[in-house]
Amino acid sequence: MKKLLTLTLMLLFTASANSIFAQHMGNGGSPHDTVTGQFATVAYGRPYMKGRVLFGTQEEHDNKKALEVYGKVWRTGADAATQITFKKNCTFGGKPIKAGTYTLFTIPGTKEWTIILNSKLGQWGAFAYEKTKSNDVLTITVPELHTNAPVEQFTITLPATGMKLEWGNVSVFVPIK
């Protein structure tokens, strides 16, 4: 009986550990999407607003009143850091970028956002960004715009002229040529 109880507990522990691992290393609860445009393809996690304040101060974040912090590097989506693949050499926000795959980070602001392309792939979130910051290949700043209606689920689109990020009442556009 003791062996059966031990075996049962081990199986429960293993199942629980696998579930936790899958949440942190796989799809952590947000759906994922891949969008393709004329110049690029973007793979990202699509979190929902769910009535939350999306961007705020560090204090608001610490008190669970804001999801992301103004002025702090964000993975630009959910789960694994967003990846963008350029099909050919082009300009991104007016700066030249070579064809290839990059990790896309952003730093949300109240009036403008910083967009970062980093050559280190396979990053989980932005937790190790400070360690990989030396791999930044391009940094630009774009104005924060606003949507006409709130966008419930974080969305990246690739219209013919660039890349658009929308979530809540925030919209950010990066020209691509």
C-alpha atoms as a PDB file:
ATOM      1  CA  MET A   1       0.000   0.000   0.000  1.00  0.00           C
ATOM      2  CA  LYS A   2       2.844   2.323   0.881  1.00  0.00           C
ATOM      3  CA  LYS A   3       4.450   1.717  -2.547  1.00  0.00           C
ATOM      4  CA  LEU A   4       1.141   2.433  -4.300  1.00  0.00           C
ATOM      5  CA  LEU A   5       0.743   5.702  -2.399  1.00  0.00           C
ATOM      6  CA  THR A   6       4.319   6.711  -3.212  1.00  0.00           C
ATOM      7  CA  LEU A   7       3.833   5.867  -6.891  1.00  0.00           C
ATOM      8  CA  THR A   8       0.555   7.820  -7.031  1.00  0.00           C
ATOM      9  CA  LEU A   9       2.170  10.875  -5.428  1.00  0.00           C
ATOM     10  CA  MET A  10       5.099  10.681  -7.852  1.00  0.00           C
ATOM     11  CA  LEU A  11       2.722  10.532 -10.843  1.00  0.00           C
ATOM     12  CA  LEU A  12       0.720  13.511  -9.543  1.00  0.00           C
ATOM     13  CA  PHE A  13       3.903  15.497  -8.952  1.00  0.00           C
ATOM     14  CA  THR A  14       5.199  14.678 -12.455  1.00  0.00           C
ATOM     15  CA  ALA A  15       1.901  15.653 -14.103  1.00  0.00           C
ATOM     16  CA  SER A  16       1.792  18.897 -12.141  1.00  0.00           C
ATOM     17  CA  ALA A  17       5.427  19.732 -12.963  1.00  0.00           C
ATOM     18  CA  ASN A  18       4.828  19.013 -16.664  1.00  0.00           C
ATOM     19  CA  SER A  19       1.807  21.303 -16.661  1.00  0.00           C
ATOM     20  CA  ILE A  20       3.784  24.133 -15.057  1.00  0.00           C
ATOM     21  CA  PHE A  21       6.673  23.581 -17.473  1.00  0.00           C
ATOM     22  CA  ALA A  22       4.308  23.667 -20.463  1.00  0.00           C
ATOM     23  CA  GLN A  23       2.793  26.941 -19.273  1.00  0.00           C
ATOM     24  CA  HIS A  24       6.201  28.576 -18.973  1.00  0.00           C
ATOM     25  CA  MET A  25       7.946  27.074 -21.967  1.00  0.00           C
ATOM     26  CA  GLY A  26       5.116  26.600 -24.419  1.00  0.00           C
ATOM     27  CA  ASN A  27       1.908  28.496 -24.893  1.00  0.00           C
ATOM     28  CA  GLY A  28       1.411  30.190 -21.533  1.00  0.00           C
ATOM     29  CA  GLY A  29      -2.270  30.789 -22.070  1.00  0.00           C
ATOM     30  CA  SER A  30      -2.286  33.410 -24.808  1.00  0.00           C
ATOM     31  CA  PRO A  31      -2.958  32.401 -28.391  1.00  0.00           C
ATOM     32  CA  HIS A  32      -0.112  32.792 -30.842  1.00  0.00           C
ATOM     33  CA  ASP A  33      -0.210  34.121 -34.373  1.00  0.00           C
ATOM     34  CA  THR A  34       2.037  34.595 -37.370  1.00  0.00           C
ATOM     35  CA  VAL A  35       1.373  37.431 -39.801  1.00  0.00           C
ATOM     36  CA  THR A  36       3.053  37.902 -43.158  1.00  0.00           C
ATOM     37  CA  GLY A  37       3.377  41.071 -45.169  1.00  0.00           C
ATOM     38  CA  GLN A  38       5.277  42.298 -48.191  1.00  0.00           C
ATOM     39  CA  PHE A  39       8.567  42.741 -46.324  1.00  0.00           C
ATOM     40  CA  ALA A  40       8.330  40.648 -43.177  1.00  0.00           C
ATOM     41  CA  THR A  41       6.750  37.862 -41.126  1.00  0.00           C
ATOM     42  CA  VAL A  42       6.044  38.299 -37.408  1.00  0.00           C
ATOM     43  CA  ALA A  43       5.437  35.467 -34.898  1.00  0.00           C
ATOM     44  CA  TYR A  44       4.033  36.584 -31.547  1.00  0.00           C
ATOM     45  CA  GLY A  45       1.817  35.843 -28.566  1.00  0.00           C
ATOM     46  CA  ARG A  46      -1.536  37.676 -28.465  1.00  0.00           C
ATOM     47  CA  PRO A  47      -2.585  38.511 -24.894  1.00  0.00           C
ATOM     48  CA  TYR A  48      -6.042  39.879 -24.097  1.00  0.00           C
ATOM     49  CA  MET A  49      -6.779  43.109 -22.283  1.00  0.00           C
ATOM     50  CA  LYS A  50      -9.375  41.422 -19.994  1.00  0.00           C
ATOM     51  CA  GLY A  51     -10.328  44.748 -18.390  1.00  0.00           C
ATOM     52  CA  ARG A  52      -6.761  45.397 -17.222  1.00  0.00           C
ATOM     53  CA  VAL A  53      -4.800  48.624 -17.436  1.00  0.00           C
ATOM     54  CA  LEU A  54      -2.146  47.749 -19.983  1.00  0.00           C
ATOM     55  CA  PHE A  55       0.623  50.290 -19.459  1.00  0.00           C
ATOM     56  CA  GLY A  56       1.473  52.269 -16.331  1.00  0.00           C
ATOM     57  CA  THR A  57       4.110  53.243 -13.804  1.00  0.00           C
ATOM     58  CA  GLN A  58       6.330  50.789 -11.941  1.00  0.00           C
ATOM     59  CA  GLU A  59       4.242  51.419  -8.801  1.00  0.00           C
ATOM     60  CA  GLU A  60       1.009  50.642 -10.683  1.00  0.00           C
ATOM     61  CA  HIS A  61       2.623  47.463 -12.012  1.00  0.00           C
ATOM     62  CA  ASP A  62       3.866  46.433  -8.554  1.00  0.00           C
ATOM     63  CA  ASN A  63       0.338  46.945  -7.170  1.00  0.00           C
ATOM     64  CA  LYS A  64      -1.114  44.809 -10.016  1.00  0.00           C
ATOM     65  CA  LYS A  65      -2.873  47.842 -11.515  1.00  0.00           C
ATOM     66  CA  ALA A  66      -0.891  47.871 -14.785  1.00  0.00           C
ATOM     67  CA  LEU A  67       0.306  44.949 -16.859  1.00  0.00           C
ATOM     68  CA  GLU A  68       3.411  46.541 -18.417  1.00  0.00           C
ATOM     69  CA  VAL A  69       5.621  49.419 -17.289  1.00  0.00           C
ATOM     70  CA  TYR A  70       6.258  52.622 -19.230  1.00  0.00           C
ATOM     71  CA  GLY A  71       9.974  52.942 -19.945  1.00  0.00           C
ATOM     72  CA  LYS A  72      10.709  49.231 -19.431  1.00  0.00           C
ATOM     73  CA  VAL A  73      11.572  46.692 -22.145  1.00  0.00           C
ATOM     74  CA  TRP A  74       8.557  44.581 -23.153  1.00  0.00           C
ATOM     75  CA  ARG A  75       8.536  41.314 -25.137  1.00  0.00           C
ATOM     76  CA  THR A  76       5.876  42.875 -27.415  1.00  0.00           C
ATOM     77  CA  GLY A  77       3.263  40.219 -26.877  1.00  0.00           C
ATOM     78  CA  ALA A  78       2.973  37.225 -24.574  1.00  0.00           C
ATOM     79  CA  ASP A  79       5.130  34.235 -23.698  1.00  0.00           C
ATOM     80  CA  ALA A  80       8.265  33.940 -25.868  1.00  0.00           C
ATOM     81  CA  ALA A  81       9.650  37.202 -27.220  1.00  0.00           C
ATOM     82  CA  THR A  82       8.220  38.244 -30.575  1.00  0.00           C
ATOM     83  CA  GLN A  83      10.272  37.402 -33.667  1.00  0.00           C
ATOM     84  CA  ILE A  84      10.307  39.299 -36.932  1.00  0.00           C
ATOM     85  CA  THR A  85      11.817  37.917 -40.130  1.00  0.00           C
ATOM     86  CA  PHE A  86      12.663  40.278 -42.966  1.00  0.00           C
ATOM     87  CA  LYS A  87      12.465  38.587 -46.361  1.00  0.00           C
ATOM     88  CA  LYS A  88      14.993  40.956 -47.926  1.00  0.00           C
ATOM     89  CA  ASN A  89      17.128  43.939 -47.022  1.00  0.00           C
ATOM     90  CA  CYS A  90      14.886  46.938 -46.372  1.00  0.00           C
ATOM     91  CA  THR A  91      14.460  49.958 -44.117  1.00  0.00           C
ATOM     92  CA  PHE A  92      12.663  49.646 -40.784  1.00  0.00           C
ATOM     93  CA  GLY A  93      11.643  52.978 -39.319  1.00  0.00           C
ATOM     94  CA  GLY A  94      13.945  54.676 -41.807  1.00  0.00           C
ATOM     95  CA  LYS A  95      17.031  52.650 -40.840  1.00  0.00           C
ATOM     96  CA  PRO A  96      18.531  49.871 -42.979  1.00  0.00           C
ATOM     97  CA  ILE A  97      18.045  46.305 -41.781  1.00  0.00           C
ATOM     98  CA  LYS A  98      19.438  43.151 -43.370  1.00  0.00           C
ATOM     99  CA  ALA A  99      17.267  40.194 -44.326  1.00  0.00           C
ATOM    100  CA  GLY A 100      17.035  37.735 -41.448  1.00  0.00           C
ATOM    101  CA  THR A 101      15.238  36.954 -38.197  1.00  0.00           C
ATOM    102  CA  TYR A 102      15.370  39.202 -35.137  1.00  0.00           C
ATOM    103  CA  THR A 103      13.774  39.399 -31.715  1.00  0.00           C
ATOM    104  CA  LEU A 104      11.418  42.381 -31.491  1.00  0.00           C
ATOM    105  CA  PHE A 105      11.313  44.286 -28.212  1.00  0.00           C
ATOM    106  CA  THR A 106       9.562  47.551 -27.436  1.00  0.00           C
ATOM    107  CA  ILE A 107       9.739  50.129 -24.685  1.00  0.00           C
ATOM    108  CA  PRO A 108       6.270  51.657 -24.293  1.00  0.00           C
ATOM    109  CA  GLY A 109       6.045  55.336 -23.472  1.00  0.00           C
ATOM    110  CA  THR A 110       3.240  57.797 -22.904  1.00  0.00           C
ATOM    111  CA  LYS A 111       4.027  59.736 -26.104  1.00  0.00           C
ATOM    112  CA  GLU A 112       6.454  57.554 -28.041  1.00  0.00           C
ATOM    113  CA  TRP A 113       7.724  53.983 -28.146  1.00  0.00           C
ATOM    114  CA  THR A 114      11.211  52.638 -28.670  1.00  0.00           C
ATOM    115  CA  ILE A 115      11.369  49.698 -31.064  1.00  0.00           C
ATOM    116  CA  ILE A 116      14.358  47.361 -30.749  1.00  0.00           C
ATOM    117  CA  LEU A 117      15.571  44.594 -33.057  1.00  0.00           C
ATOM    118  CA  ASN A 118      17.928  42.166 -31.338  1.00  0.00           C
ATOM    119  CA  SER A 119      19.883  39.367 -33.025  1.00  0.00           C
ATOM    120  CA  LYS A 120      19.628  36.921 -30.076  1.00  0.00           C
ATOM    121  CA  LEU A 121      16.821  34.485 -30.923  1.00  0.00           C
ATOM    122  CA  GLY A 122      14.838  32.122 -28.705  1.00  0.00           C
ATOM    123  CA  GLN A 123      14.400  34.496 -25.767  1.00  0.00           C
ATOM    124  CA  TRP A 124      11.613  33.911 -23.263  1.00  0.00           C
ATOM    125  CA  GLY A 125       9.921  37.241 -22.608  1.00  0.00           C
ATOM    126  CA  ALA A 126      12.233  40.158 -21.934  1.00  0.00           C
ATOM    127  CA  PHE A 127      13.615  38.766 -18.687  1.00  0.00           C
ATOM    128  CA  ALA A 128      17.184  38.365 -19.988  1.00  0.00           C
ATOM    129  CA  TYR A 129      17.170  41.479 -22.182  1.00  0.00           C
ATOM    130  CA  GLU A 130      19.865  43.251 -20.137  1.00  0.00           C
ATOM    131  CA  LYS A 131      22.177  40.279 -20.775  1.00  0.00           C
ATOM    132  CA  THR A 132      21.474  40.319 -24.527  1.00  0.00           C
ATOM    133  CA  LYS A 133      21.289  44.096 -25.012  1.00  0.00           C
ATOM    134  CA  SER A 134      24.669  44.020 -26.750  1.00  0.00           C
ATOM    135  CA  ASN A 135      22.953  42.103 -29.576  1.00  0.00           C
ATOM    136  CA  ASP A 136      20.715  45.060 -30.478  1.00  0.00           C
ATOM    137  CA  VAL A 137      21.099  45.746 -34.193  1.00  0.00           C
ATOM    138  CA  LEU A 138      18.580  48.568 -34.561  1.00  0.00           C
ATOM    139  CA  THR A 139      16.741  50.970 -32.263  1.00  0.00           C
ATOM    140  CA  ILE A 140      14.172  53.538 -33.390  1.00  0.00           C
ATOM    141  CA  THR A 141      11.574  55.746 -31.765  1.00  0.00           C
ATOM    142  CA  VAL A 142       8.047  56.146 -33.129  1.00  0.00           C
ATOM    143  CA  PRO A 143       5.115  58.209 -31.858  1.00  0.00           C
ATOM    144  CA  GLU A 144       2.331  56.592 -29.880  1.00  0.00           C
ATOM    145  CA  LEU A 145      -0.971  56.937 -31.671  1.00  0.00           C
ATOM    146  CA  HIS A 146      -4.447  56.049 -30.459  1.00  0.00           C
ATOM    147  CA  THR A 147      -7.128  53.742 -31.806  1.00  0.00           C
ATOM    148  CA  ASN A 148     -10.723  54.819 -32.449  1.00  0.00           C
ATOM    149  CA  ALA A 149     -11.990  51.908 -30.357  1.00  0.00           C
ATOM    150  CA  PRO A 150     -10.187  49.693 -27.835  1.00  0.00           C
ATOM    151  CA  VAL A 151      -8.470  46.612 -29.265  1.00  0.00           C
ATOM    152  CA  GLU A 152      -9.118  43.739 -26.824  1.00  0.00           C
ATOM    153  CA  GLN A 153      -6.423  41.374 -28.101  1.00  0.00           C
ATOM    154  CA  PHE A 154      -2.887  42.522 -28.860  1.00  0.00           C
ATOM    155  CA  THR A 155      -2.588  42.653 -32.634  1.00  0.00           C
ATOM    156  CA  ILE A 156       0.291  43.108 -35.063  1.00  0.00           C
ATOM    157  CA  THR A 157      -0.539  43.763 -38.704  1.00  0.00           C
ATOM    158  CA  LEU A 158       1.734  44.260 -41.688  1.00  0.00           C
ATOM    159  CA  PRO A 159       0.081  46.646 -44.130  1.00  0.00           C
ATOM    160  CA  ALA A 160       1.995  47.340 -47.358  1.00  0.00           C
ATOM    161  CA  THR A 161       3.840  50.312 -45.834  1.00  0.00           C
ATOM    162  CA  GLY A 162       4.937  48.979 -42.448  1.00  0.00           C
ATOM    163  CA  MET A 163       4.115  47.291 -39.161  1.00  0.00           C
ATOM    164  CA  LYS A 164       1.283  48.294 -36.846  1.00  0.00           C
ATOM    165  CA  LEU A 165       0.962  47.297 -33.170  1.00  0.00           C
ATOM    166  CA  GLU A 166      -2.418  47.790 -31.478  1.00  0.00           C
ATOM    167  CA  TRP A 167      -3.673  47.026 -27.981  1.00  0.00           C
ATOM    168  CA  GLY A 168      -6.189  48.809 -25.829  1.00  0.00           C
ATOM    169  CA  ASN A 169      -6.349  52.382 -27.101  1.00  0.00           C
ATOM    170  CA  VAL A 170      -2.691  52.380 -28.195  1.00  0.00           C
ATOM    171  CA  SER A 171      -1.454  52.122 -31.766  1.00  0.00           C
ATOM    172  CA  VAL A 172       2.153  52.257 -32.937  1.00  0.00           C
ATOM    173  CA  PHE A 173       3.259  52.297 -36.564  1.00  0.00           C
ATOM    174  CA  VAL A 174       6.731  51.554 -37.973  1.00  0.00           C
ATOM    175  CA  PRO A 175       7.303  52.306 -41.678  1.00  0.00           C
ATOM    176  CA  ILE A 176       8.968  49.545 -43.694  1.00  0.00           C
ATOM    177  CA  LYS A 177      10.307  50.113 -47.223  1.00  0.00           C
END
